[in-house]
Amino acid sequence: MSKSSNDLDSFERAYRLRGTDDTVLSQVLGEEWFADASKNRPNLVEVSRSYFPHLTSSTYERLAREPERLQHEKNRCERDMEMLALKNYGAFIGSAKVTRAVAQEVDHVRKQLEEMDELLTPAQQDISEFQAISADIVSRRGALRNVLTQHGTLLELLELPQLLEACIRNQMFEESLELLSYTRNMLKTQEARGEEIHILTKLKEQLSVQQGNLQHSLISQLATDIHLPACVKVVGFLRRAQKCSEEELRELFIEQRSIFLEKHKSQVEALRHGRGSVVTALKTAADVLRTHVYDIGTQYQALFQQDDGPLVPWLNQQIAWLTDLLRAHILPEASQTAPGSRLPAASNRLDAASLLAILRQCTQASTALRRLGAVFLPAVQGLFDARLEQYCCELLDVALLTFHAELGRYDWVPSVALSGGGAAAG
């Protein structure tokens, strides 16, 4: 570290001294001459910089002898140059001869090239005419050779619609999309050329039909019992197919998943119209919201994260469906009560245990849908409260009827003993 700092100090000192020397040199030699020499003769400036410290450090006597010493050095250098020329004059003469011979050879080569150019110019014109005449033949020959070479590829292109149909039928959607992408790029290239080929036009029509079949097959997958990974794949395939916009894809997803949900709703409707199956139907309806509706909502949010879109009204429809079922069976209409009685018909009676089971299922469904922002338990809580109050009133009515019936079984005659005892007390 100390060595580096010493080097840095030495460099700074040398730089300052050099700047001082340049200032003194410009004053001694003249600023214009120094500036011109710095630009055009930098070597002379460097020599002056190295020689100037010698002058400034010399004594007067030494400066007086300096012109003589410089003249002596100049004479010595001239003698050395003469001796060098005398010793190597043969090499100098040989180099001159070689240079002269090379120049003569270059002139001879240039003349020959000019003669060759005069001879080849007519031949170049003939060659250009031959190339122009044979261009059409070469292009036709190349086209025929290309057809022969690509015979297998042409057969594969013509078999693309059948291959695509087989892939769709076997649910090989990844391969189907790759085939469609390949054919789409190929047809775009053909359209860019501006050529109209009947076979490719027919192929484009057949591929358009198969693309519609692929779209229908992918959409039908959403109407089945599939989970999130499969939904991600199917929606990804639909996006790659580029047949629907993002908004249309959201609507399509909700529509197809609703078709799947309607199958379970129909099972609930079948149960509620069966004898003695109302409790099971209501529990199943609540469980449909807890499982399938929640799964569909979760799938929608995972696939379309930026916008709820049609999910909110769809969730409201499902909750309204369950609420209507609960209102229809937990709070029966007056027309469904038994004639001449405050009690409901036997087929519509729900005891406390059944109400508790249904309420438990609704609570679980509401808790599950809380993650989707669709809590509905407060909306149906009043129905259970009203039904439980009605049930308690029904039990009290039954108890009063039983009590009156028991009282009617006895003949209430005043007792003699009781009356005698009363008289004695009086």
Foldseek 3Di string as FASTA:
>chain_A
DVVVVVVVVVVVVVVVVLVVLLVVCCVVVPVVVSVVCVVVPVVVVVVCSVCVVVVVPDDPVVVVCVVVVVVVVVVVVVVVVVVVCVVCVVVVVVVVVVVVVVVVVVVVVVVVVVVVCVVCPVVVVVVVVVCVVCVVVVVVVVVVVVCVVCVVVVVVLLCLLVVLLVCLVVVVLVVNLVSVVVLVVVVVVVVVVVDDDPSNVVSVVSNVVSLVVSVVSLLLVLLEPDAQVSLLVSLVSVVSSVPDDPLVSLVSNLVSLVNNLVVQVVVLVVQCPDFPRLLVSLLSLLVSLQPSVLRSLVSSCVNPVPDCRCNVVSLVVSLVVSLVSLCCQLVPDPVQADPPDLHGDPRRDDDPVSLVSSLVSNVSSQVSCVVVVRRCSVVCVVSSVVSVVSNVVVVVVVVVVVVVVVVVVDDDDDDPVVVVVVVVVD
